[in-house]
Amino acid sequence: MEIQIANTIIYRPEQQLDVVQAKRRHAKAEQKEKEKRQRERLRSLEIQRDKLHKAAWKV
């Protein structure tokens, strides 16, 4: 159960742990997504570099 006072939710102690764990899971998921986007961007740049390199050798 939660009590809301002036836009602040106060959780019972046993719920507080769940809230902390949920925040950690959310942060971890965001970090994984960020790393995935970075890997995709890096791969895209590597492909672009390889195409330019290949084109340069064809000249």
Protein backbone atom coordinates (compact mmCIF):
# COMPACT_ATOMS: atom_id res chain seq x y z
CA MET A 1 0.00 0.00 0.00
CA GLU A 2 1.15 3.51 -0.69
CA ILE A 3 0.25 6.87 0.76
CA GLN A 4 0.42 9.98 -1.38
CA ILE A 5 1.21 13.25 0.35
CA ALA A 6 1.85 16.44 -1.63
CA ASN A 7 2.79 14.57 -4.82
CA THR A 8 5.23 12.35 -2.90
CA ILE A 9 4.51 8.66 -2.64
CA ILE A 10 5.59 7.04 0.61
CA TYR A 11 6.00 3.28 0.40
CA ARG A 12 6.00 0.78 3.21
CA PRO A 13 9.50 -0.63 3.90
CA GLU A 14 8.83 -3.93 2.13
CA GLN A 15 7.67 -2.02 -0.95
CA GLN A 16 10.64 0.32 -0.86
CA LEU A 17 12.95 -2.54 -1.83
CA ASP A 18 10.72 -3.35 -4.81
CA VAL A 19 10.86 0.28 -5.92
CA VAL A 20 14.66 0.36 -5.68
CA GLN A 21 14.95 -2.92 -7.58
CA ALA A 22 12.56 -1.68 -10.27
CA LYS A 23 14.59 1.52 -10.69
CA ARG A 24 17.79 -0.52 -10.99
CA ARG A 25 16.21 -2.84 -13.57
CA HIS A 26 15.00 0.17 -15.53
CA ALA A 27 18.44 1.83 -15.43
CA LYS A 28 20.09 -1.42 -16.50
CA ALA A 29 17.65 -1.83 -19.39
CA GLU A 30 18.30 1.76 -20.50
CA GLN A 31 22.06 1.17 -20.35
CA LYS A 32 21.72 -2.00 -22.45
CA GLU A 33 19.63 -0.13 -25.01
CA LYS A 34 22.20 2.67 -25.14
CA GLU A 35 25.01 0.16 -25.67
CA LYS A 36 22.98 -1.56 -28.41
CA ARG A 37 22.50 1.76 -30.25
CA GLN A 38 26.24 2.48 -29.92
CA ARG A 39 27.12 -0.94 -31.40
CA GLU A 40 24.66 -0.39 -34.27
CA ARG A 41 26.11 3.06 -34.96
CA LEU A 42 29.67 1.71 -34.87
CA ARG A 43 28.74 -1.10 -37.25
CA SER A 44 27.10 1.40 -39.59
CA LEU A 45 30.26 3.53 -39.58
CA GLU A 46 32.43 0.46 -40.21
CA ILE A 47 30.30 -0.50 -43.22
CA GLN A 48 30.49 3.06 -44.55
CA ARG A 49 34.28 3.08 -44.08
CA ASP A 50 34.63 -0.25 -45.89
CA LYS A 51 32.55 1.00 -48.84
CA LEU A 52 34.66 4.15 -49.13
CA HIS A 53 37.86 2.13 -48.89
CA LYS A 54 36.66 -0.27 -51.58
CA ALA A 55 35.62 2.63 -53.83
CA ALA A 56 39.01 4.30 -53.38
CA TRP A 57 40.81 1.17 -54.56
CA LYS A 58 38.61 0.94 -57.69
CA VAL A 59 39.84 4.32 -58.97
